[in-house]
């Protein structure tokens, strides 16, 4: 098959995959695998392993699929599981609320919307944005009651803050998976740093939009902050329901200790330290080990809260949460492996100038199309990473910094946009006391603005770093 024909087939395959996921409601795992299989066969991958006349071994389609699937689990599987477990531990112990309380004390009660946004931004680093909104929504309602600030503004700020770190900053599973697929899984600190920088314009744009839209829209819970049972619940009552919250250090430790370990590992590599200290730091700074240490601190937190009896249930629930993500991520790895095993990459390389003009915007556009079409940011991130991975050198992003920027660009695209096919849209709309039409004017618009602002931040970083 000629290069142009293969490119057209590839575009059709992506469209078919989107239709399967979004319109036919076929699970992303099956959709991605099916498209990978058919595209691989059309792209010339043989049915079985072969040895050519010159002795070159060519893998068959089953081998290629197996390699793509297993490589993803090897590089990122345990990391995703550990990240999910840490998030569940923070939820169970009230540490997530303690982190929120710390933000309130730093920002102050005179700026509750900003406090809500920063609170969401911090909490969503280890916790999924959906569950993060549910966790923090009682605080939002209580602050609405206490400060009389717009409920809509508070909902938009909370949603935007959660979303920014959800798509940009590991150990959220999407960015971790994309980093592994693009070859920077061992440099998560770099991805975290760039993600944090890129999230700044998102937070700024979202904050001012929230203040503006908060003056235009009125939510159902604007007058009173009530819980699901219709009872008024103050901020103090919410905190009291958890008893005495854990200390600030113990609340931060499961997140900050892995970050410090990865940072020390990077410092050791840069400074070329030698000897036993270097080996220990490199070992502890490996993402799997660093997050394992975070899990240990989470267990200590559970012990301190006399909740070790809940450990089995927490891990069991975390595995249920991580499972679908792992398999979808692995399916995305299969698609990337299939693409790289056809002549498509060679054709694109030969015609590189056309793609080089898009550069860092290419991952953003692909992720935005996938996100808008099928709803899941995680699916958009992992699938786009598989598509972009073989193309990084062509896009001028073949260095570790370039690959890390590609991860962030994919994250910006995976924000754009949240609407009715996204579960997060319904979480924000329903818990925020808004109608569907209000959801489009608030959640959908703010995610569009965040995505564009995030991509602007990535573009600025690319001008400086690439």
Protein backbone atom coordinates (compact mmCIF):
# COMPACT_ATOMS: atom_id res chain seq x y z
CA UNK A 1 0.00 0.00 0.00
CA UNK A 2 1.33 3.43 -0.92
CA UNK A 3 2.12 6.02 1.74
CA UNK A 4 -0.80 8.27 0.84
CA UNK A 5 -3.24 5.36 0.84
CA UNK A 6 -1.92 4.22 4.21
CA UNK A 7 -2.30 7.74 5.61
CA UNK A 8 -5.90 7.90 4.38
CA UNK A 9 -6.53 4.48 5.92
CA UNK A 10 -5.04 5.68 9.19
CA UNK A 11 -7.33 8.73 9.27
CA UNK A 12 -10.35 6.52 8.50
CA UNK A 13 -9.26 4.12 11.26
CA UNK A 14 -9.14 6.94 13.80
CA UNK A 15 -12.58 8.19 12.72
CA UNK A 16 -13.98 4.65 12.97
CA UNK A 17 -12.48 4.29 16.44
CA UNK A 18 -14.11 7.54 17.57
CA UNK A 19 -17.48 6.45 16.17
CA UNK A 20 -17.19 3.05 17.85
CA UNK A 21 -16.48 4.64 21.22
CA UNK A 22 -18.78 7.67 21.14
CA UNK A 23 -21.69 6.65 18.90
CA UNK A 24 -21.86 2.86 19.07
CA UNK A 25 -20.95 2.82 22.77
CA UNK A 26 -18.35 0.08 22.31
CA UNK A 27 -15.84 -0.05 25.14
CA UNK A 28 -12.61 1.87 24.33
CA UNK A 29 -10.52 -1.25 25.05
CA UNK A 30 -12.27 -3.29 22.36
CA UNK A 31 -12.52 -0.33 19.99
CA UNK A 32 -8.82 0.47 20.11
CA UNK A 33 -7.76 -3.19 19.82
CA UNK A 34 -10.11 -3.82 16.89
CA UNK A 35 -8.93 -0.77 15.00
CA UNK A 36 -5.29 -1.68 15.75
CA UNK A 37 -5.77 -5.20 14.39
CA UNK A 38 -7.52 -4.13 11.20
CA UNK A 39 -5.16 -1.23 10.53
CA UNK A 40 -2.13 -3.45 11.13
CA UNK A 41 -3.33 -6.04 8.64
CA UNK A 42 -4.18 -3.40 6.03
CA UNK A 43 -0.84 -1.72 6.72
CA UNK A 44 1.07 -4.84 5.71
CA UNK A 45 1.88 -6.53 9.01
CA UNK A 46 1.90 -10.29 8.26
CA UNK A 47 -0.49 -12.74 9.87
CA UNK A 48 2.33 -14.74 11.49
CA UNK A 49 6.00 -14.23 12.33
CA UNK A 50 8.22 -14.52 9.26
CA UNK A 51 11.91 -14.68 8.43
CA UNK A 52 12.85 -12.94 5.19
CA UNK A 53 15.43 -14.21 2.71
CA UNK A 54 18.09 -11.89 4.16
CA UNK A 55 17.50 -13.32 7.63
CA UNK A 56 15.46 -10.38 8.89
CA UNK A 57 12.71 -11.42 11.28
CA UNK A 58 9.31 -9.76 10.85
CA UNK A 59 6.77 -10.00 13.64
CA UNK A 60 3.23 -11.10 12.86
CA UNK A 61 0.20 -9.11 13.94
CA UNK A 62 -0.40 -11.22 17.06
CA UNK A 63 3.19 -10.71 18.21
CA UNK A 64 3.03 -6.98 17.57
CA UNK A 65 -0.19 -6.68 19.58
CA UNK A 66 1.29 -8.72 22.42
CA UNK A 67 4.46 -6.61 22.47
CA UNK A 68 2.52 -3.36 22.53
CA UNK A 69 0.24 -4.61 25.29
CA UNK A 70 2.90 -6.08 27.57
CA UNK A 71 5.34 -3.17 27.21
CA UNK A 72 2.73 -0.82 28.64
CA UNK A 73 2.18 -2.97 31.71
CA UNK A 74 5.94 -3.33 32.17
CA UNK A 75 6.55 0.39 32.15
CA UNK A 76 3.52 1.89 33.83
CA UNK A 77 1.16 -0.70 35.31
CA UNK A 78 2.37 -0.68 38.91
CA UNK A 79 2.81 3.09 38.88
CA UNK A 80 -0.86 3.62 37.96
CA UNK A 81 -1.97 1.17 40.66
CA UNK A 82 0.16 2.83 43.35
CA UNK A 83 -1.07 6.30 42.37
CA UNK A 84 -4.69 5.14 42.62
CA UNK A 85 -4.08 3.55 46.04
CA UNK A 86 -2.49 6.73 47.39
CA UNK A 87 -5.49 8.76 46.25
CA UNK A 88 -7.91 6.38 47.94
CA UNK A 89 -5.93 6.54 51.19
CA UNK A 90 -6.04 10.33 51.19
CA UNK A 91 -9.80 10.22 50.69
CA UNK A 92 -10.40 7.64 53.42
CA UNK A 93 -8.33 9.32 56.12
CA UNK A 94 -9.52 12.88 55.57
CA UNK A 95 -6.03 13.90 54.43
CA UNK A 96 -7.53 15.35 51.24
CA UNK A 97 -9.66 17.64 53.41
CA UNK A 98 -6.60 18.55 55.47
CA UNK A 99 -4.82 19.59 52.28
CA UNK A 100 -7.86 21.67 51.36
CA UNK A 101 -7.88 23.25 54.81
CA UNK A 102 -4.21 24.16 54.47
CA UNK A 103 -4.93 25.94 51.19
CA UNK A 104 -7.76 27.92 52.79
CA UNK A 105 -5.41 29.09 55.52
CA UNK A 106 -2.80 30.16 52.98
CA UNK A 107 -5.12 31.92 50.52
CA UNK A 108 -7.57 33.28 53.08
CA UNK A 109 -11.35 33.33 53.34
CA UNK A 110 -11.60 36.66 51.53
CA UNK A 111 -10.80 34.87 48.27
CA UNK A 112 -12.91 31.70 48.56
CA UNK A 113 -13.15 31.09 44.78
CA UNK A 114 -9.37 31.24 44.42
CA UNK A 115 -9.00 29.01 47.47
CA UNK A 116 -11.44 26.54 45.90
CA UNK A 117 -9.48 26.52 42.64
CA UNK A 118 -6.09 25.98 44.28
CA UNK A 119 -7.61 23.40 46.59
CA UNK A 120 -8.88 21.43 43.60
CA UNK A 121 -5.54 21.82 41.82
CA UNK A 122 -3.68 20.25 44.75
CA UNK A 123 -6.18 17.52 45.62
CA UNK A 124 -6.51 16.29 42.03
CA UNK A 125 -2.80 15.47 41.76
CA UNK A 126 -3.41 12.09 43.42
CA UNK A 127 -7.22 11.97 43.23
CA UNK A 128 -9.39 11.69 40.11
CA UNK A 129 -11.17 14.96 39.28
CA UNK A 130 -14.57 13.26 39.46
CA UNK A 131 -14.08 11.97 42.98
CA UNK A 132 -12.16 15.12 43.90
CA UNK A 133 -15.20 17.25 43.09
CA UNK A 134 -17.42 14.97 45.15
CA UNK A 135 -14.96 15.11 48.08
CA UNK A 136 -14.59 18.89 48.02
CA UNK A 137 -18.15 19.80 47.07
CA UNK A 138 -19.34 19.85 50.71
CA UNK A 139 -16.57 22.38 51.43
CA UNK A 140 -17.70 24.40 48.41
CA UNK A 141 -21.28 24.42 49.68
CA UNK A 142 -20.21 25.36 53.17
CA UNK A 143 -18.05 28.21 51.89
CA UNK A 144 -20.93 29.44 49.71
CA UNK A 145 -23.07 29.58 52.84
CA UNK A 146 -20.36 31.24 54.91
CA UNK A 147 -19.15 33.84 52.39
CA UNK A 148 -22.27 34.39 50.20
CA UNK A 149 -20.05 34.15 47.11
CA UNK A 150 -21.56 32.87 43.86
CA UNK A 151 -22.15 29.11 43.94
CA UNK A 152 -21.59 28.92 40.18
CA UNK A 153 -18.27 30.73 40.45
CA UNK A 154 -17.17 28.34 43.18
CA UNK A 155 -18.22 25.29 41.14
CA UNK A 156 -16.39 26.50 38.03
CA UNK A 157 -13.24 27.31 40.02
CA UNK A 158 -13.28 23.94 41.76
CA UNK A 159 -13.89 22.09 38.50
CA UNK A 160 -11.14 24.01 36.69
CA UNK A 161 -8.59 23.52 39.44
CA UNK A 162 -9.25 19.80 39.60
CA UNK A 163 -9.12 19.45 35.83
CA UNK A 164 -5.82 21.29 35.39
CA UNK A 165 -3.78 18.92 37.54
CA UNK A 166 -5.84 15.90 36.40
CA UNK A 167 -4.56 16.18 32.82
CA UNK A 168 -1.15 17.76 33.45
CA UNK A 169 0.48 16.48 36.62
CA UNK A 170 1.45 12.89 37.53
CA UNK A 171 0.74 10.71 39.49
CA UNK A 172 -2.69 11.13 37.87
CA UNK A 173 -2.85 8.01 35.66
CA UNK A 174 -3.36 9.77 32.30
CA UNK A 175 -0.15 11.85 32.34
CA UNK A 176 1.79 8.91 33.82
CA UNK A 177 0.63 6.62 31.04
CA UNK A 178 1.40 9.21 28.35
CA UNK A 179 4.85 9.83 29.81
CA UNK A 180 5.63 6.11 29.70
CA UNK A 181 4.33 5.74 26.15
CA UNK A 182 6.40 8.71 24.96
CA UNK A 183 9.57 7.47 26.65
CA UNK A 184 9.81 9.81 29.65
CA UNK A 185 8.28 7.50 32.24
CA UNK A 186 11.52 7.59 34.21
CA UNK A 187 11.53 11.40 34.20
CA UNK A 188 8.20 12.10 35.84
CA UNK A 189 9.63 15.05 37.76
CA UNK A 190 10.27 16.82 34.45
CA UNK A 191 6.71 16.12 33.35
CA UNK A 192 5.37 17.30 36.70
CA UNK A 193 7.34 20.55 36.52
CA UNK A 194 6.28 21.36 32.97
CA UNK A 195 2.71 20.35 33.76
CA UNK A 196 2.61 22.67 36.76
CA UNK A 197 3.91 25.56 34.65
CA UNK A 198 1.43 24.89 31.85
CA UNK A 199 -1.44 24.79 34.34
CA UNK A 200 -0.82 28.38 35.50
CA UNK A 201 -2.47 30.10 32.49
CA UNK A 202 -5.34 27.59 32.81
CA UNK A 203 -5.94 28.58 36.41
CA UNK A 204 -5.76 32.30 35.63
CA UNK A 205 -8.18 32.16 32.71
CA UNK A 206 -10.59 29.89 34.58
CA UNK A 207 -10.59 32.11 37.67
CA UNK A 208 -11.59 35.25 35.79
CA UNK A 209 -14.15 33.39 33.69
CA UNK A 210 -15.64 31.88 36.86
CA UNK A 211 -16.00 35.32 38.42
CA UNK A 212 -17.69 36.62 35.27
CA UNK A 213 -20.07 33.71 34.69
CA UNK A 214 -20.87 33.65 38.40
CA UNK A 215 -22.55 37.03 37.95
CA UNK A 216 -24.65 35.73 35.04
CA UNK A 217 -25.82 32.34 36.31
CA UNK A 218 -27.56 31.26 39.49
CA UNK A 219 -27.43 27.69 40.82
CA UNK A 220 -30.07 25.83 42.78
CA UNK A 221 -27.98 25.93 45.94
CA UNK A 222 -27.23 29.63 45.71
CA UNK A 223 -29.27 30.58 48.77
CA UNK A 224 -28.41 27.67 51.08
CA UNK A 225 -25.59 25.13 51.19
CA UNK A 226 -27.39 21.83 51.70
CA UNK A 227 -26.31 18.24 51.51
CA UNK A 228 -27.90 15.45 49.47
CA UNK A 229 -30.47 14.83 52.23
CA UNK A 230 -31.54 18.45 52.37
CA UNK A 231 -29.71 19.23 55.62
CA UNK A 232 -27.62 22.35 56.06
CA UNK A 233 -24.01 21.35 56.69
CA UNK A 234 -21.50 23.93 57.78
CA UNK A 235 -17.80 23.74 57.10
CA UNK A 236 -17.14 22.97 60.75
CA UNK A 237 -19.67 20.13 60.73
CA UNK A 238 -18.04 18.64 57.65
CA UNK A 239 -14.61 18.62 59.30
CA UNK A 240 -16.12 17.27 62.51
CA UNK A 241 -17.53 14.29 60.63
CA UNK A 242 -13.95 13.15 60.06
CA UNK A 243 -12.96 13.74 63.65
CA UNK A 244 -9.53 15.25 64.16
CA UNK A 245 -7.86 15.54 60.76
CA UNK A 246 -4.34 14.17 60.27
CA UNK A 247 -1.36 16.48 60.53
CA UNK A 248 -0.25 18.55 57.58
CA UNK A 249 2.95 16.55 57.22
CA UNK A 250 1.21 13.18 57.21
CA UNK A 251 -1.36 14.48 54.73
CA UNK A 252 1.35 15.74 52.39
CA UNK A 253 3.81 12.88 52.86
CA UNK A 254 2.22 10.33 50.46
CA UNK A 255 2.47 12.96 47.70
CA UNK A 256 5.52 15.04 48.57
CA UNK A 257 7.91 12.24 49.60
CA UNK A 258 7.76 10.52 46.15
CA UNK A 259 8.33 13.93 44.53
CA UNK A 260 11.38 14.56 46.72
CA UNK A 261 12.79 11.10 45.98
CA UNK A 262 12.40 11.59 42.22
CA UNK A 263 13.96 15.06 42.53
CA UNK A 264 16.99 13.71 44.39
CA UNK A 265 17.39 10.99 41.77
CA UNK A 266 17.43 13.60 39.01
CA UNK A 267 19.93 15.73 40.94
CA UNK A 268 22.18 12.71 41.38
CA UNK A 269 22.07 12.00 37.65
CA UNK A 270 22.77 15.62 36.68
CA UNK A 271 25.64 16.03 39.15
CA UNK A 272 26.95 12.54 38.29
CA UNK A 273 27.31 11.44 41.88
CA UNK A 274 29.17 8.17 42.37
CA UNK A 275 29.12 5.34 44.85
CA UNK A 276 26.52 3.82 47.10
CA UNK A 277 24.62 7.10 47.64
CA UNK A 278 24.10 7.49 43.92
CA UNK A 279 22.80 3.93 43.58
CA UNK A 280 20.43 4.35 46.52
CA UNK A 281 19.05 7.65 45.20
CA UNK A 282 18.58 6.26 41.70
CA UNK A 283 16.78 3.26 43.15
CA UNK A 284 14.50 5.31 45.41
CA UNK A 285 13.85 7.83 42.62
CA UNK A 286 12.52 5.23 40.21
CA UNK A 287 8.79 6.08 39.86
CA UNK A 288 7.67 2.60 40.95
CA UNK A 289 9.81 2.70 44.10
CA UNK A 290 9.06 6.37 44.84
CA UNK A 291 5.31 5.78 44.68
CA UNK A 292 5.72 2.59 46.71
CA UNK A 293 7.25 4.76 49.42
CA UNK A 294 4.21 7.03 49.07
CA UNK A 295 1.97 4.01 49.63
CA UNK A 296 3.97 3.14 52.76
CA UNK A 297 3.37 6.65 54.13
CA UNK A 298 -0.30 6.20 53.22
CA UNK A 299 -0.37 3.00 55.29
CA UNK A 300 1.27 4.87 58.18
CA UNK A 301 -1.45 7.49 57.81
CA UNK A 302 -4.12 4.78 57.99
CA UNK A 303 -2.43 3.34 61.07
CA UNK A 304 -2.33 6.76 62.71
CA UNK A 305 -6.05 7.11 62.00
CA UNK A 306 -6.69 3.59 63.34
CA UNK A 307 -8.08 2.61 59.94
CA UNK A 308 -5.71 -0.20 58.97
CA UNK A 309 -8.70 -2.51 58.92
CA UNK A 310 -9.87 -0.65 55.81
CA UNK A 311 -6.62 -1.30 53.92
CA UNK A 312 -7.90 -4.42 52.15
CA UNK A 313 -11.03 -2.64 50.97
CA UNK A 314 -9.05 0.43 49.85
CA UNK A 315 -6.63 -1.65 47.78
CA UNK A 316 -9.45 -3.77 46.37
CA UNK A 317 -11.42 -0.69 45.30
CA UNK A 318 -8.24 0.93 43.92
CA UNK A 319 -7.53 -2.12 41.75
CA UNK A 320 -11.09 -1.93 40.42
CA UNK A 321 -10.53 1.73 39.58
CA UNK A 322 -7.09 1.21 38.07
CA UNK A 323 -8.05 -1.86 36.03
CA UNK A 324 -10.00 -0.14 33.25
CA UNK A 325 -7.34 2.57 33.00
CA UNK A 326 -4.58 -0.01 32.73
CA UNK A 327 -6.30 -1.96 29.99
CA UNK A 328 -7.23 1.12 27.98
CA UNK A 329 -3.67 2.37 28.40
CA UNK A 330 -2.33 -0.98 27.20
CA UNK A 331 -4.67 -0.87 24.21
CA UNK A 332 -3.26 2.56 23.38
CA UNK A 333 0.21 1.01 23.56
CA UNK A 334 -0.93 -1.63 21.07
CA UNK A 335 -2.08 1.06 18.64
CA UNK A 336 1.26 2.83 18.92
CA UNK A 337 3.16 -0.41 18.33
CA UNK A 338 1.02 -1.26 15.31
CA UNK A 339 1.57 2.21 13.83
CA UNK A 340 5.33 1.94 14.29
CA UNK A 341 5.33 -1.53 12.70
CA UNK A 342 3.81 -0.29 9.43
CA UNK A 343 5.43 1.94 6.83
CA UNK A 344 3.33 4.90 7.98
CA UNK A 345 6.09 6.40 10.10
CA UNK A 346 8.57 6.09 7.24
CA UNK A 347 6.12 7.84 4.91
CA UNK A 348 5.49 10.62 7.41
CA UNK A 349 9.23 11.02 7.96
CA UNK A 350 9.76 11.44 4.24
CA UNK A 351 7.12 14.16 4.26
CA UNK A 352 8.17 15.66 7.55
CA UNK A 353 7.93 19.35 6.59
CA UNK A 354 4.13 19.14 6.48
CA UNK A 355 3.95 17.89 10.08
CA UNK A 356 6.83 19.99 11.36
CA UNK A 357 4.77 23.08 10.62
CA UNK A 358 2.31 21.88 13.30
CA UNK A 359 4.98 20.75 15.74
CA UNK A 360 3.74 20.77 19.33
CA UNK A 361 0.20 21.62 18.17
CA UNK A 362 -0.24 18.21 16.51
CA UNK A 363 -0.63 16.26 19.81
CA UNK A 364 -3.02 18.94 21.06
CA UNK A 365 -5.29 18.73 18.02
CA UNK A 366 -5.43 14.92 18.04
CA UNK A 367 -6.21 14.79 21.78
CA UNK A 368 -8.84 17.53 21.48
CA UNK A 369 -10.63 15.67 18.68
CA UNK A 370 -10.60 12.42 20.68
CA UNK A 371 -11.68 14.13 23.92
CA UNK A 372 -14.57 16.01 22.35
CA UNK A 373 -15.73 12.95 20.44
CA UNK A 374 -15.70 10.28 23.15
CA UNK A 375 -15.66 12.15 26.47
CA UNK A 376 -12.91 10.55 28.55
CA UNK A 377 -9.78 12.62 29.12
CA UNK A 378 -7.83 9.52 30.14
CA UNK A 379 -8.80 7.69 26.95
CA UNK A 380 -7.91 10.78 24.90
CA UNK A 381 -4.52 11.07 26.61
CA UNK A 382 -3.54 7.41 26.36
CA UNK A 383 -4.79 6.97 22.80
CA UNK A 384 -3.15 10.14 21.54
CA UNK A 385 0.12 9.15 23.22
CA UNK A 386 0.07 5.91 21.26
CA UNK A 387 -0.53 7.79 18.02
CA UNK A 388 2.09 10.48 18.67
CA UNK A 389 4.85 8.27 20.08
CA UNK A 390 6.29 7.08 16.75
CA UNK A 391 6.08 10.62 15.35
CA UNK A 392 8.04 12.54 18.00
CA UNK A 393 11.26 12.87 15.96
CA UNK A 394 9.26 14.04 12.94
CA UNK A 395 7.54 16.68 15.05
CA UNK A 396 10.90 17.92 16.31
CA UNK A 397 10.18 16.60 19.81
CA UNK A 398 12.53 13.64 19.96
CA UNK A 399 14.41 14.84 23.06
CA UNK A 400 13.25 14.08 26.63
CA UNK A 401 12.16 17.71 27.04
CA UNK A 402 10.30 17.54 23.73
CA UNK A 403 8.57 14.31 24.73
CA UNK A 404 7.59 15.82 28.09
CA UNK A 405 6.13 18.86 26.30
CA UNK A 406 4.21 16.47 24.06
CA UNK A 407 2.69 14.89 27.18
CA UNK A 408 1.54 18.32 28.37
CA UNK A 409 0.23 19.26 24.92
CA UNK A 410 -1.80 16.05 24.90
CA UNK A 411 -3.13 16.96 28.34
CA UNK A 412 -4.23 20.38 27.10
CA UNK A 413 -6.06 18.73 24.22
CA UNK A 414 -7.66 16.24 26.59
CA UNK A 415 -9.35 19.16 28.36
CA UNK A 416 -11.01 20.38 25.20
CA UNK A 417 -13.92 20.05 25.82
CA UNK A 418 -16.04 18.53 28.60
CA UNK A 419 -19.67 18.14 27.55
CA UNK A 420 -22.56 15.68 27.78
CA UNK A 421 -20.53 12.57 26.86
CA UNK A 422 -18.13 13.20 29.76
CA UNK A 423 -18.97 11.86 33.22
CA UNK A 424 -17.15 14.81 34.79
CA UNK A 425 -19.60 17.18 33.07
CA UNK A 426 -22.47 15.53 34.90
CA UNK A 427 -20.62 15.43 38.23
CA UNK A 428 -19.96 19.18 38.09
CA UNK A 429 -23.42 20.03 36.78
CA UNK A 430 -25.38 17.89 39.23
CA UNK A 431 -23.30 18.49 42.36
CA UNK A 432 -23.06 22.18 41.44
CA UNK A 433 -26.85 22.52 41.35
CA UNK A 434 -26.93 23.56 37.69
CA UNK A 435 -29.10 22.61 34.73
CA UNK A 436 -27.70 20.96 31.60
CA UNK A 437 -27.88 24.26 29.72
CA UNK A 438 -25.96 25.96 32.52
CA UNK A 439 -23.44 23.13 32.38
CA UNK A 440 -22.69 23.97 28.75
CA UNK A 441 -22.29 27.66 29.59
CA UNK A 442 -20.03 26.92 32.55
CA UNK A 443 -18.23 23.56 32.45
CA UNK A 444 -17.98 23.24 28.67
CA UNK A 445 -16.83 26.81 28.12
CA UNK A 446 -14.31 26.83 30.97
CA UNK A 447 -12.71 23.58 29.76
CA UNK A 448 -12.41 25.07 26.27
CA UNK A 449 -10.71 28.15 27.71
CA UNK A 450 -8.47 26.01 29.91
CA UNK A 451 -7.43 23.82 27.00
CA UNK A 452 -6.53 26.80 24.82
CA UNK A 453 -4.73 28.55 27.68
CA UNK A 454 -2.83 25.37 28.53
CA UNK A 455 -1.77 24.94 24.92
CA UNK A 456 -0.63 28.56 24.87
CA UNK A 457 1.52 27.80 27.90
CA UNK A 458 2.98 24.72 26.17
CA UNK A 459 3.74 26.77 23.06
CA UNK A 460 5.59 29.40 25.13
CA UNK A 461 7.56 26.67 26.90
CA UNK A 462 8.42 25.09 23.53
CA UNK A 463 9.82 28.41 22.26
CA UNK A 464 12.15 28.52 25.26
CA UNK A 465 13.06 24.84 25.64
CA UNK A 466 13.09 23.38 22.10
